[in-house]
Amino acid sequence: MIKPDGSPGPRKDTVIVLPMRAVAVDLVADTPRDWMLHCHNGYHMDAGMMTQLDYTT
């Protein structure tokens, strides 16, 4: 995660994103495939709070 001042933030695989907000991250893409990015609450996924990251070489 990148802090608003551009410095590195905590290193983690789960980030809380508030409604109508964005989060900048650095991504190490070393495993090509399709990845689903989502909220872990089923009702949130049903409401569209997910997307797909497609990484190919």
PDB file of N, CA and C in Angstrom:
ATOM      1  N   MET A   1       0.846  -1.168   0.000  1.00  0.00           N
ATOM      2  CA  MET A   1       0.000   0.000   0.000  1.00  0.00           C
ATOM      3  C   MET A   1       0.893   1.234   0.000  1.00  0.00           C
ATOM      4  N   ILE A   2       0.485   2.256  -0.716  1.00  0.00           N
ATOM      5  CA  ILE A   2       1.244   3.491  -0.791  1.00  0.00           C
ATOM      6  C   ILE A   2       0.504   4.571   0.003  1.00  0.00           C
ATOM      7  N   LYS A   3       1.208   5.230   0.910  1.00  0.00           N
ATOM      8  CA  LYS A   3       0.614   6.305   1.705  1.00  0.00           C
ATOM      9  C   LYS A   3       0.373   7.527   0.820  1.00  0.00           C
ATOM     10  N   PRO A   4      -0.514   8.420   1.230  1.00  0.00           N
ATOM     11  CA  PRO A   4      -0.793   9.627   0.430  1.00  0.00           C
ATOM     12  C   PRO A   4       0.452  10.453   0.096  1.00  0.00           C
ATOM     13  N   ASP A   5       1.487  10.394   0.961  1.00  0.00           N
ATOM     14  CA  ASP A   5       2.709  11.157   0.686  1.00  0.00           C
ATOM     15  C   ASP A   5       3.660  10.429  -0.263  1.00  0.00           C
ATOM     16  N   GLY A   6       3.257   9.235  -0.744  1.00  0.00           N
ATOM     17  CA  GLY A   6       4.067   8.470  -1.690  1.00  0.00           C
ATOM     18  C   GLY A   6       4.994   7.464  -1.050  1.00  0.00           C
ATOM     19  N   SER A   7       5.100   7.447   0.257  1.00  0.00           N
ATOM     20  CA  SER A   7       5.974   6.492   0.933  1.00  0.00           C
ATOM     21  C   SER A   7       5.275   5.139   1.096  1.00  0.00           C
ATOM     22  N   PRO A   8       6.067   4.068   1.274  1.00  0.00           N
ATOM     23  CA  PRO A   8       5.456   2.747   1.437  1.00  0.00           C
ATOM     24  C   PRO A   8       4.653   2.667   2.732  1.00  0.00           C
ATOM     25  N   GLY A   9       3.519   2.031   2.648  1.00  0.00           N
ATOM     26  CA  GLY A   9       2.691   1.804   3.830  1.00  0.00           C
ATOM     27  C   GLY A   9       2.853   0.373   4.305  1.00  0.00           C
ATOM     28  N   PRO A  10       1.919  -0.128   5.094  1.00  0.00           N
ATOM     29  CA  PRO A  10       2.018  -1.492   5.592  1.00  0.00           C
ATOM     30  C   PRO A  10       1.968  -2.504   4.456  1.00  0.00           C
ATOM     31  N   ARG A  11       2.689  -3.589   4.611  1.00  0.00           N
ATOM     32  CA  ARG A  11       2.695  -4.662   3.614  1.00  0.00           C
ATOM     33  C   ARG A  11       1.650  -5.694   4.046  1.00  0.00           C
ATOM     34  N   LYS A  12       0.583  -5.797   3.261  1.00  0.00           N
ATOM     35  CA  LYS A  12      -0.485  -6.729   3.608  1.00  0.00           C
ATOM     36  C   LYS A  12      -1.258  -7.107   2.356  1.00  0.00           C
ATOM     37  N   ASP A  13      -2.071  -8.153   2.462  1.00  0.00           N
ATOM     38  CA  ASP A  13      -2.837  -8.599   1.297  1.00  0.00           C
ATOM     39  C   ASP A  13      -4.309  -8.245   1.393  1.00  0.00           C
ATOM     40  N   THR A  14      -4.700  -7.559   2.454  1.00  0.00           N
ATOM     41  CA  THR A  14      -6.080  -7.113   2.616  1.00  0.00           C
ATOM     42  C   THR A  14      -6.064  -5.627   2.937  1.00  0.00           C
ATOM     43  N   VAL A  15      -6.804  -4.849   2.179  1.00  0.00           N
ATOM     44  CA  VAL A  15      -6.843  -3.404   2.366  1.00  0.00           C
ATOM     45  C   VAL A  15      -8.300  -2.972   2.467  1.00  0.00           C
ATOM     46  N   ILE A  16      -8.613  -2.177   3.462  1.00  0.00           N
ATOM     47  CA  ILE A  16      -9.961  -1.636   3.608  1.00  0.00           C
ATOM     48  C   ILE A  16     -10.074  -0.403   2.724  1.00  0.00           C
ATOM     49  N   VAL A  17     -11.041  -0.415   1.823  1.00  0.00           N
ATOM     50  CA  VAL A  17     -11.284   0.716   0.931  1.00  0.00           C
ATOM     51  C   VAL A  17     -12.666   1.266   1.254  1.00  0.00           C
ATOM     52  N   LEU A  18     -12.697   2.486   1.724  1.00  0.00           N
ATOM     53  CA  LEU A  18     -13.972   3.105   2.088  1.00  0.00           C
ATOM     54  C   LEU A  18     -14.786   3.435   0.843  1.00  0.00           C
ATOM     55  N   PRO A  19     -16.109   3.559   0.988  1.00  0.00           N
ATOM     56  CA  PRO A  19     -16.951   3.890  -0.169  1.00  0.00           C
ATOM     57  C   PRO A  19     -16.491   5.164  -0.875  1.00  0.00           C
ATOM     58  N   MET A  20     -16.492   5.125  -2.189  1.00  0.00           N
ATOM     59  CA  MET A  20     -16.141   6.263  -3.037  1.00  0.00           C
ATOM     60  C   MET A  20     -14.685   6.697  -2.862  1.00  0.00           C
ATOM     61  N   ARG A  21     -13.811   5.792  -2.444  1.00  0.00           N
ATOM     62  CA  ARG A  21     -12.402   6.093  -2.247  1.00  0.00           C
ATOM     63  C   ARG A  21     -11.565   5.182  -3.131  1.00  0.00           C
ATOM     64  N   ALA A  22     -10.302   5.487  -3.268  1.00  0.00           N
ATOM     65  CA  ALA A  22      -9.358   4.686  -4.043  1.00  0.00           C
ATOM     66  C   ALA A  22      -8.127   4.415  -3.185  1.00  0.00           C
ATOM     67  N   VAL A  23      -7.421   3.350  -3.499  1.00  0.00           N
ATOM     68  CA  VAL A  23      -6.200   2.987  -2.805  1.00  0.00           C
ATOM     69  C   VAL A  23      -5.139   2.682  -3.855  1.00  0.00           C
ATOM     70  N   ALA A  24      -3.934   3.223  -3.684  1.00  0.00           N
ATOM     71  CA  ALA A  24      -2.819   2.925  -4.587  1.00  0.00           C
ATOM     72  C   ALA A  24      -1.968   1.825  -3.960  1.00  0.00           C
ATOM     73  N   VAL A  25      -1.575   0.864  -4.761  1.00  0.00           N
ATOM     74  CA  VAL A  25      -0.750  -0.243  -4.281  1.00  0.00           C
ATOM     75  C   VAL A  25       0.382  -0.508  -5.266  1.00  0.00           C
ATOM     76  N   ASP A  26       1.474  -1.070  -4.762  1.00  0.00           N
ATOM     77  CA  ASP A  26       2.524  -1.623  -5.609  1.00  0.00           C
ATOM     78  C   ASP A  26       2.246  -3.113  -5.699  1.00  0.00           C
ATOM     79  N   LEU A  27       2.334  -3.662  -6.893  1.00  0.00           N
ATOM     80  CA  LEU A  27       1.993  -5.060  -7.124  1.00  0.00           C
ATOM     81  C   LEU A  27       3.178  -5.779  -7.731  1.00  0.00           C
ATOM     82  N   VAL A  28       3.583  -6.889  -7.126  1.00  0.00           N
ATOM     83  CA  VAL A  28       4.601  -7.750  -7.709  1.00  0.00           C
ATOM     84  C   VAL A  28       3.851  -8.825  -8.491  1.00  0.00           C
ATOM     85  N   ALA A  29       3.846  -8.682  -9.812  1.00  0.00           N
ATOM     86  CA  ALA A  29       3.112  -9.612 -10.677  1.00  0.00           C
ATOM     87  C   ALA A  29       4.081 -10.684 -11.166  1.00  0.00           C
ATOM     88  N   ASP A  30       4.143 -11.794 -10.428  1.00  0.00           N
ATOM     89  CA  ASP A  30       5.071 -12.862 -10.791  1.00  0.00           C
ATOM     90  C   ASP A  30       4.386 -14.207 -11.021  1.00  0.00           C
ATOM     91  N   THR A  31       3.059 -14.218 -11.024  1.00  0.00           N
ATOM     92  CA  THR A  31       2.316 -15.446 -11.278  1.00  0.00           C
ATOM     93  C   THR A  31       1.210 -15.142 -12.282  1.00  0.00           C
ATOM     94  N   PRO A  32       1.486 -15.304 -13.586  1.00  0.00           N
ATOM     95  CA  PRO A  32       0.483 -14.974 -14.606  1.00  0.00           C
ATOM     96  C   PRO A  32      -0.768 -15.841 -14.481  1.00  0.00           C
ATOM     97  N   ARG A  33      -1.901 -15.219 -14.471  1.00  0.00           N
ATOM     98  CA  ARG A  33      -3.223 -15.856 -14.521  1.00  0.00           C
ATOM     99  C   ARG A  33      -4.270 -14.797 -14.258  1.00  0.00           C
ATOM    100  N   ASP A  34      -5.502 -15.188 -14.166  1.00  0.00           N
ATOM    101  CA  ASP A  34      -6.604 -14.278 -13.846  1.00  0.00           C
ATOM    102  C   ASP A  34      -6.827 -14.316 -12.332  1.00  0.00           C
ATOM    103  N   TRP A  35      -6.855 -13.171 -11.713  1.00  0.00           N
ATOM    104  CA  TRP A  35      -7.036 -13.071 -10.265  1.00  0.00           C
ATOM    105  C   TRP A  35      -8.311 -12.295  -9.957  1.00  0.00           C
ATOM    106  N   MET A  36      -9.075 -12.785  -9.015  1.00  0.00           N
ATOM    107  CA  MET A  36     -10.280 -12.087  -8.585  1.00  0.00           C
ATOM    108  C   MET A  36      -9.935 -11.242  -7.370  1.00  0.00           C
ATOM    109  N   LEU A  37     -10.292  -9.974  -7.416  1.00  0.00           N
ATOM    110  CA  LEU A  37     -10.105  -9.071  -6.287  1.00  0.00           C
ATOM    111  C   LEU A  37     -11.488  -8.779  -5.735  1.00  0.00           C
ATOM    112  N   HIS A  38     -11.684  -9.023  -4.460  1.00  0.00           N
ATOM    113  CA  HIS A  38     -13.049  -8.921  -3.946  1.00  0.00           C
ATOM    114  C   HIS A  38     -13.079  -8.669  -2.454  1.00  0.00           C
ATOM    115  N   CYS A  39     -14.239  -8.330  -2.013  1.00  0.00           N
ATOM    116  CA  CYS A  39     -14.553  -8.256  -0.599  1.00  0.00           C
ATOM    117  C   CYS A  39     -14.881  -9.673  -0.140  1.00  0.00           C
ATOM    118  N   HIS A  40     -14.564 -10.003   1.091  1.00  0.00           N
ATOM    119  CA  HIS A  40     -14.790 -11.369   1.564  1.00  0.00           C
ATOM    120  C   HIS A  40     -16.188 -11.596   2.139  1.00  0.00           C
ATOM    121  N   ASN A  41     -17.058 -10.608   2.026  1.00  0.00           N
ATOM    122  CA  ASN A  41     -18.451 -10.793   2.448  1.00  0.00           C
ATOM    123  C   ASN A  41     -19.269 -11.152   1.221  1.00  0.00           C
ATOM    124  N   GLY A  42     -19.946 -12.290   1.268  1.00  0.00           N
ATOM    125  CA  GLY A  42     -20.719 -12.755   0.121  1.00  0.00           C
ATOM    126  C   GLY A  42     -21.721 -11.736  -0.391  1.00  0.00           C
ATOM    127  N   TYR A  43     -22.400 -11.050   0.518  1.00  0.00           N
ATOM    128  CA  TYR A  43     -23.405 -10.071   0.075  1.00  0.00           C
ATOM    129  C   TYR A  43     -22.744  -8.869  -0.594  1.00  0.00           C
ATOM    130  N   HIS A  44     -21.508  -8.564  -0.239  1.00  0.00           N
ATOM    131  CA  HIS A  44     -20.792  -7.493  -0.931  1.00  0.00           C
ATOM    132  C   HIS A  44     -20.428  -7.921  -2.349  1.00  0.00           C
ATOM    133  N   MET A  45     -19.993  -9.169  -2.519  1.00  0.00           N
ATOM    134  CA  MET A  45     -19.686  -9.662  -3.858  1.00  0.00           C
ATOM    135  C   MET A  45     -20.948  -9.637  -4.717  1.00  0.00           C
ATOM    136  N   ASP A  46     -22.075 -10.027  -4.141  1.00  0.00           N
ATOM    137  CA  ASP A  46     -23.350  -9.992  -4.879  1.00  0.00           C
ATOM    138  C   ASP A  46     -23.702  -8.570  -5.314  1.00  0.00           C
ATOM    139  N   ALA A  47     -23.243  -7.577  -4.533  1.00  0.00           N
ATOM    140  CA  ALA A  47     -23.537  -6.178  -4.842  1.00  0.00           C
ATOM    141  C   ALA A  47     -22.524  -5.574  -5.822  1.00  0.00           C
ATOM    142  N   GLY A  48     -21.568  -6.384  -6.288  1.00  0.00           N
ATOM    143  CA  GLY A  48     -20.630  -5.922  -7.293  1.00  0.00           C
ATOM    144  C   GLY A  48     -19.309  -5.401  -6.767  1.00  0.00           C
ATOM    145  N   MET A  49     -19.013  -5.662  -5.508  1.00  0.00           N
ATOM    146  CA  MET A  49     -17.757  -5.172  -4.943  1.00  0.00           C
ATOM    147  C   MET A  49     -16.621  -6.141  -5.224  1.00  0.00           C
ATOM    148  N   MET A  50     -16.376  -6.357  -6.492  1.00  0.00           N
ATOM    149  CA  MET A  50     -15.275  -7.221  -6.907  1.00  0.00           C
ATOM    150  C   MET A  50     -14.876  -6.856  -8.321  1.00  0.00           C
ATOM    151  N   THR A  51     -13.686  -7.243  -8.685  1.00  0.00           N
ATOM    152  CA  THR A  51     -13.199  -7.023 -10.043  1.00  0.00           C
ATOM    153  C   THR A  51     -12.203  -8.123 -10.359  1.00  0.00           C
ATOM    154  N   GLN A  52     -11.698  -8.125 -11.566  1.00  0.00           N
ATOM    155  CA  GLN A  52     -10.749  -9.152 -11.971  1.00  0.00           C
ATOM    156  C   GLN A  52      -9.480  -8.486 -12.482  1.00  0.00           C
ATOM    157  N   LEU A  53      -8.338  -9.017 -12.062  1.00  0.00           N
ATOM    158  CA  LEU A  53      -7.037  -8.576 -12.541  1.00  0.00           C
ATOM    159  C   LEU A  53      -6.503  -9.666 -13.462  1.00  0.00           C
ATOM    160  N   ASP A  54      -6.294  -9.348 -14.712  1.00  0.00           N
ATOM    161  CA  ASP A  54      -5.778 -10.311 -15.686  1.00  0.00           C
ATOM    162  C   ASP A  54      -4.316 -10.012 -15.939  1.00  0.00           C
ATOM    163  N   TYR A  55      -3.446 -10.952 -15.588  1.00  0.00           N
ATOM    164  CA  TYR A  55      -2.010 -10.765 -15.762  1.00  0.00           C
ATOM    165  C   TYR A  55      -1.479 -11.857 -16.673  1.00  0.00           C
ATOM    166  N   THR A  56      -0.898 -11.452 -17.786  1.00  0.00           N
ATOM    167  CA  THR A  56      -0.284 -12.396 -18.726  1.00  0.00           C
ATOM    168  C   THR A  56       1.140 -11.933 -19.018  1.00  0.00           C
ATOM    169  N   THR A  57       1.965 -12.859 -19.477  1.00  0.00           N
ATOM    170  CA  THR A  57       3.347 -12.482 -19.811  1.00  0.00           C
ATOM    171  C   THR A  57       3.466 -12.173 -21.286  1.00  0.00           C
TER     172      THR A  57
END
